[in-house]
Amino acid sequence: MKAGSDAEQGQYVVDQTKQITYVYEKDTRGSVVVRHQDASTQELLIPEQTVKDHVPSGEAYTTQPLTDTTSVRTNEQGLTETVTTRYTLVRTPDNANGTVLPNQTIAVVVNIINKFQLLRMVRLLQLIRQLLVKFSHHKNLLRQMKPQAQPIQRALKHLIP
């Protein structure tokens, strides 16, 4: 309330004007949220994290990439399994660290590859390579056998009209 202003509460006096003045400042606070997402599917790996929520502009913030996580669960057979999920940061975002901007929510998007997905892709590529090698080997065998198969094909044509 402005200095020299009448009180907010009081008695109404006939033929007298009371003046109450409120003084405001513009709210210049901002927020920062982090989204850890899978690099290939763009799906969130964990729920969005709020790093700073409605804080004064200019306040510094820092973010961190995901760390590997280990969880223990019981499978369908009742056996206990330990599952470790490993992550690899694709690239540190330009705004991973900085200062809060007025009247804005800064979204820091962190793209991550799940290492298990990467290993699955590598294994799949290795399997495809092995199949291609086997296929080319079989193709070469067929080429080698083709001249030998021609007399048999001619004989079959004479036997089967």
C-alpha atoms as a PDB file:
ATOM      1  CA  MET A   1       0.000   0.000   0.000  1.00  0.00           C
ATOM      2  CA  LYS A   2       1.283   3.471  -0.865  1.00  0.00           C
ATOM      3  CA  ALA A   3       2.677   5.616   1.948  1.00  0.00           C
ATOM      4  CA  GLY A   4       0.212   8.322   3.004  1.00  0.00           C
ATOM      5  CA  SER A   5      -2.748   6.217   1.894  1.00  0.00           C
ATOM      6  CA  ASP A   6      -5.776   5.877   4.154  1.00  0.00           C
ATOM      7  CA  ALA A   7      -6.164   2.617   6.077  1.00  0.00           C
ATOM      8  CA  GLU A   8      -7.703  -0.378   4.285  1.00  0.00           C
ATOM      9  CA  GLN A   9     -10.228  -0.841   7.066  1.00  0.00           C
ATOM     10  CA  GLY A  10     -11.979   1.747   9.115  1.00  0.00           C
ATOM     11  CA  GLN A  11     -15.108   3.788   9.582  1.00  0.00           C
ATOM     12  CA  TYR A  12     -16.988   5.445   6.768  1.00  0.00           C
ATOM     13  CA  VAL A  13     -17.310   9.161   7.493  1.00  0.00           C
ATOM     14  CA  VAL A  14     -20.146  11.153   5.846  1.00  0.00           C
ATOM     15  CA  ASP A  15     -19.002  13.804   3.333  1.00  0.00           C
ATOM     16  CA  GLN A  16     -15.392  12.634   3.523  1.00  0.00           C
ATOM     17  CA  THR A  17     -13.415  10.835   0.784  1.00  0.00           C
ATOM     18  CA  LYS A  18     -10.960   8.197   1.753  1.00  0.00           C
ATOM     19  CA  GLN A  19      -8.226   7.254  -0.730  1.00  0.00           C
ATOM     20  CA  ILE A  20      -6.548   3.873  -0.600  1.00  0.00           C
ATOM     21  CA  THR A  21      -3.779   3.228  -3.150  1.00  0.00           C
ATOM     22  CA  TYR A  22      -2.276  -0.213  -3.827  1.00  0.00           C
ATOM     23  CA  VAL A  23       1.094  -0.338  -5.620  1.00  0.00           C
ATOM     24  CA  TYR A  24       2.109  -3.310  -7.776  1.00  0.00           C
ATOM     25  CA  GLU A  25       5.228  -4.555  -9.510  1.00  0.00           C
ATOM     26  CA  LYS A  26       5.098  -6.685 -12.627  1.00  0.00           C
ATOM     27  CA  ASP A  27       5.686 -10.351 -11.824  1.00  0.00           C
ATOM     28  CA  THR A  28       8.830 -11.339 -13.743  1.00  0.00           C
ATOM     29  CA  ARG A  29       9.324 -14.818 -12.371  1.00  0.00           C
ATOM     30  CA  GLY A  30       9.901 -17.871 -14.551  1.00  0.00           C
ATOM     31  CA  SER A  31      10.272 -21.644 -14.459  1.00  0.00           C
ATOM     32  CA  VAL A  32      12.562 -24.368 -15.837  1.00  0.00           C
ATOM     33  CA  VAL A  33      11.482 -27.925 -16.681  1.00  0.00           C
ATOM     34  CA  VAL A  34      13.567 -30.829 -17.994  1.00  0.00           C
ATOM     35  CA  ARG A  35      12.290 -33.471 -20.401  1.00  0.00           C
ATOM     36  CA  HIS A  36      14.415 -36.612 -20.745  1.00  0.00           C
ATOM     37  CA  GLN A  37      13.315 -38.267 -23.971  1.00  0.00           C
ATOM     38  CA  ASP A  38      14.307 -41.253 -26.061  1.00  0.00           C
ATOM     39  CA  ALA A  39      16.334 -40.096 -29.068  1.00  0.00           C
ATOM     40  CA  SER A  40      14.596 -42.426 -31.512  1.00  0.00           C
ATOM     41  CA  THR A  41      10.951 -42.309 -30.364  1.00  0.00           C
ATOM     42  CA  GLN A  42      10.878 -38.884 -28.656  1.00  0.00           C
ATOM     43  CA  GLU A  43       8.924 -40.528 -25.800  1.00  0.00           C
ATOM     44  CA  LEU A  44       9.584 -39.312 -22.259  1.00  0.00           C
ATOM     45  CA  LEU A  45      11.771 -41.764 -20.327  1.00  0.00           C
ATOM     46  CA  ILE A  46      10.647 -40.356 -16.962  1.00  0.00           C
ATOM     47  CA  PRO A  47       8.009 -37.758 -16.033  1.00  0.00           C
ATOM     48  CA  GLU A  48       8.925 -34.125 -16.738  1.00  0.00           C
ATOM     49  CA  GLN A  49      11.084 -32.673 -13.921  1.00  0.00           C
ATOM     50  CA  THR A  50      10.621 -29.124 -12.584  1.00  0.00           C
ATOM     51  CA  VAL A  51      14.035 -27.634 -11.767  1.00  0.00           C
ATOM     52  CA  LYS A  52      12.830 -24.100 -10.895  1.00  0.00           C
ATOM     53  CA  ASP A  53       9.209 -23.167 -10.325  1.00  0.00           C
ATOM     54  CA  HIS A  54       8.047 -19.541 -10.462  1.00  0.00           C
ATOM     55  CA  VAL A  55      11.371 -18.066  -9.239  1.00  0.00           C
ATOM     56  CA  PRO A  56      12.756 -14.542  -9.843  1.00  0.00           C
ATOM     57  CA  SER A  57      14.186 -13.986 -13.320  1.00  0.00           C
ATOM     58  CA  GLY A  58      17.953 -14.084 -13.481  1.00  0.00           C
ATOM     59  CA  GLU A  59      18.222 -16.904 -10.950  1.00  0.00           C
ATOM     60  CA  ALA A  60      20.765 -19.526 -12.084  1.00  0.00           C
ATOM     61  CA  TYR A  61      19.776 -23.127 -12.826  1.00  0.00           C
ATOM     62  CA  THR A  62      21.639 -26.332 -13.710  1.00  0.00           C
ATOM     63  CA  THR A  63      20.360 -29.642 -15.058  1.00  0.00           C
ATOM     64  CA  GLN A  64      21.799 -33.150 -15.143  1.00  0.00           C
ATOM     65  CA  PRO A  65      21.422 -36.034 -17.623  1.00  0.00           C
ATOM     66  CA  LEU A  66      19.846 -39.276 -16.459  1.00  0.00           C
ATOM     67  CA  THR A  67      22.036 -41.708 -14.589  1.00  0.00           C
ATOM     68  CA  ASP A  68      21.842 -45.475 -14.915  1.00  0.00           C
ATOM     69  CA  THR A  69      19.131 -46.988 -12.748  1.00  0.00           C
ATOM     70  CA  THR A  70      18.867 -50.396 -11.105  1.00  0.00           C
ATOM     71  CA  SER A  71      15.596 -51.904  -9.967  1.00  0.00           C
ATOM     72  CA  VAL A  72      14.694 -55.233  -8.426  1.00  0.00           C
ATOM     73  CA  ARG A  73      11.503 -56.983  -9.489  1.00  0.00           C
ATOM     74  CA  THR A  74       9.869 -60.367  -9.158  1.00  0.00           C
ATOM     75  CA  ASN A  75       9.169 -62.150 -12.453  1.00  0.00           C
ATOM     76  CA  GLU A  76       6.220 -64.427 -13.322  1.00  0.00           C
ATOM     77  CA  GLN A  77       8.019 -67.484 -11.926  1.00  0.00           C
ATOM     78  CA  GLY A  78       8.488 -65.743  -8.573  1.00  0.00           C
ATOM     79  CA  LEU A  79      12.219 -65.263  -9.090  1.00  0.00           C
ATOM     80  CA  THR A  80      13.892 -61.970  -8.208  1.00  0.00           C
ATOM     81  CA  GLU A  81      15.520 -60.135 -11.120  1.00  0.00           C
ATOM     82  CA  THR A  82      17.807 -57.141 -11.005  1.00  0.00           C
ATOM     83  CA  VAL A  83      17.290 -54.904 -14.035  1.00  0.00           C
ATOM     84  CA  THR A  84      19.790 -52.174 -14.848  1.00  0.00           C
ATOM     85  CA  THR A  85      18.822 -49.517 -17.373  1.00  0.00           C
ATOM     86  CA  ARG A  86      21.763 -47.673 -18.863  1.00  0.00           C
ATOM     87  CA  TYR A  87      21.510 -44.376 -20.726  1.00  0.00           C
ATOM     88  CA  THR A  88      23.837 -42.501 -23.060  1.00  0.00           C
ATOM     89  CA  LEU A  89      23.452 -38.759 -23.566  1.00  0.00           C
ATOM     90  CA  VAL A  90      23.271 -37.935 -27.278  1.00  0.00           C
ATOM     91  CA  ARG A  91      24.221 -34.268 -26.904  1.00  0.00           C
ATOM     92  CA  THR A  92      24.160 -31.788 -24.014  1.00  0.00           C
ATOM     93  CA  PRO A  93      21.428 -29.211 -24.762  1.00  0.00           C
ATOM     94  CA  ASP A  94      22.578 -25.614 -25.228  1.00  0.00           C
ATOM     95  CA  ASN A  95      20.267 -24.501 -22.415  1.00  0.00           C
ATOM     96  CA  ALA A  96      21.246 -27.261 -19.953  1.00  0.00           C
ATOM     97  CA  ASN A  97      22.535 -24.521 -17.602  1.00  0.00           C
ATOM     98  CA  GLY A  98      21.588 -20.865 -17.548  1.00  0.00           C
ATOM     99  CA  THR A  99      19.405 -18.262 -15.892  1.00  0.00           C
ATOM    100  CA  VAL A 100      15.644 -18.127 -15.495  1.00  0.00           C
ATOM    101  CA  LEU A 101      13.961 -15.806 -17.987  1.00  0.00           C
ATOM    102  CA  PRO A 102      11.097 -13.480 -17.002  1.00  0.00           C
ATOM    103  CA  ASN A 103       7.557 -14.766 -17.607  1.00  0.00           C
ATOM    104  CA  GLN A 104       8.788 -17.901 -19.382  1.00  0.00           C
ATOM    105  CA  THR A 105       9.044 -21.606 -18.814  1.00  0.00           C
ATOM    106  CA  ILE A 106      12.319 -22.895 -20.220  1.00  0.00           C
ATOM    107  CA  ALA A 107      12.064 -26.465 -21.493  1.00  0.00           C
ATOM    108  CA  VAL A 108      15.398 -28.275 -21.464  1.00  0.00           C
ATOM    109  CA  VAL A 109      15.033 -31.295 -23.767  1.00  0.00           C
ATOM    110  CA  VAL A 110      17.639 -33.991 -23.199  1.00  0.00           C
ATOM    111  CA  ASN A 111      17.854 -36.679 -25.909  1.00  0.00           C
ATOM    112  CA  ILE A 112      19.078 -39.995 -24.596  1.00  0.00           C
ATOM    113  CA  ILE A 113      19.705 -43.419 -26.066  1.00  0.00           C
ATOM    114  CA  ASN A 114      18.819 -46.372 -23.908  1.00  0.00           C
ATOM    115  CA  LYS A 115      21.988 -48.489 -24.142  1.00  0.00           C
ATOM    116  CA  PHE A 116      19.949 -51.695 -24.192  1.00  0.00           C
ATOM    117  CA  GLN A 117      18.131 -50.420 -27.280  1.00  0.00           C
ATOM    118  CA  LEU A 118      21.470 -49.595 -28.841  1.00  0.00           C
ATOM    119  CA  LEU A 119      22.773 -53.089 -28.071  1.00  0.00           C
ATOM    120  CA  ARG A 120      19.627 -54.605 -29.595  1.00  0.00           C
ATOM    121  CA  MET A 121      20.166 -52.536 -32.755  1.00  0.00           C
ATOM    122  CA  VAL A 122      23.828 -53.596 -32.965  1.00  0.00           C
ATOM    123  CA  ARG A 123      22.850 -57.264 -32.533  1.00  0.00           C
ATOM    124  CA  LEU A 124      20.189 -56.907 -35.220  1.00  0.00           C
ATOM    125  CA  LEU A 125      22.715 -55.369 -37.621  1.00  0.00           C
ATOM    126  CA  GLN A 126      25.156 -58.203 -36.878  1.00  0.00           C
ATOM    127  CA  LEU A 127      22.428 -60.770 -37.603  1.00  0.00           C
ATOM    128  CA  ILE A 128      21.541 -59.043 -40.889  1.00  0.00           C
ATOM    129  CA  ARG A 129      25.223 -59.055 -41.876  1.00  0.00           C
ATOM    130  CA  GLN A 130      25.489 -62.787 -41.109  1.00  0.00           C
ATOM    131  CA  LEU A 131      22.376 -63.487 -43.191  1.00  0.00           C
ATOM    132  CA  LEU A 132      23.766 -61.470 -46.100  1.00  0.00           C
ATOM    133  CA  VAL A 133      27.034 -63.406 -45.959  1.00  0.00           C
ATOM    134  CA  LYS A 134      25.121 -66.727 -45.939  1.00  0.00           C
ATOM    135  CA  PHE A 135      22.874 -65.547 -48.767  1.00  0.00           C
ATOM    136  CA  SER A 136      25.828 -64.529 -50.948  1.00  0.00           C
ATOM    137  CA  HIS A 137      27.484 -67.900 -50.215  1.00  0.00           C
ATOM    138  CA  HIS A 138      24.321 -69.784 -51.287  1.00  0.00           C
ATOM    139  CA  LYS A 139      23.965 -67.575 -54.354  1.00  0.00           C
ATOM    140  CA  ASN A 140      27.528 -68.470 -55.385  1.00  0.00           C
ATOM    141  CA  LEU A 141      26.788 -72.188 -54.887  1.00  0.00           C
ATOM    142  CA  LEU A 142      23.711 -71.907 -57.118  1.00  0.00           C
ATOM    143  CA  ARG A 143      25.767 -70.188 -59.823  1.00  0.00           C
ATOM    144  CA  GLN A 144      28.333 -72.986 -59.646  1.00  0.00           C
ATOM    145  CA  MET A 145      25.632 -75.658 -59.854  1.00  0.00           C
ATOM    146  CA  LYS A 146      23.745 -74.093 -62.758  1.00  0.00           C
ATOM    147  CA  PRO A 147      25.972 -75.510 -65.557  1.00  0.00           C
ATOM    148  CA  GLN A 148      25.732 -78.989 -63.973  1.00  0.00           C
ATOM    149  CA  ALA A 149      21.951 -78.736 -63.716  1.00  0.00           C
ATOM    150  CA  GLN A 150      21.404 -77.930 -67.441  1.00  0.00           C
ATOM    151  CA  PRO A 151      21.740 -81.534 -68.700  1.00  0.00           C
ATOM    152  CA  ILE A 152      19.304 -82.695 -66.028  1.00  0.00           C
ATOM    153  CA  GLN A 153      16.823 -79.993 -67.044  1.00  0.00           C
ATOM    154  CA  ARG A 154      17.102 -81.060 -70.731  1.00  0.00           C
ATOM    155  CA  ALA A 155      16.509 -84.691 -69.823  1.00  0.00           C
ATOM    156  CA  LEU A 156      13.475 -83.778 -67.764  1.00  0.00           C
ATOM    157  CA  LYS A 157      12.012 -81.841 -70.699  1.00  0.00           C
ATOM    158  CA  HIS A 158      12.155 -84.989 -72.850  1.00  0.00           C
ATOM    159  CA  LEU A 159      10.557 -87.136 -70.171  1.00  0.00           C
ATOM    160  CA  ILE A 160       7.803 -84.681 -69.272  1.00  0.00           C
ATOM    161  CA  PRO A 161       6.024 -83.368 -72.368  1.00  0.00           C
END
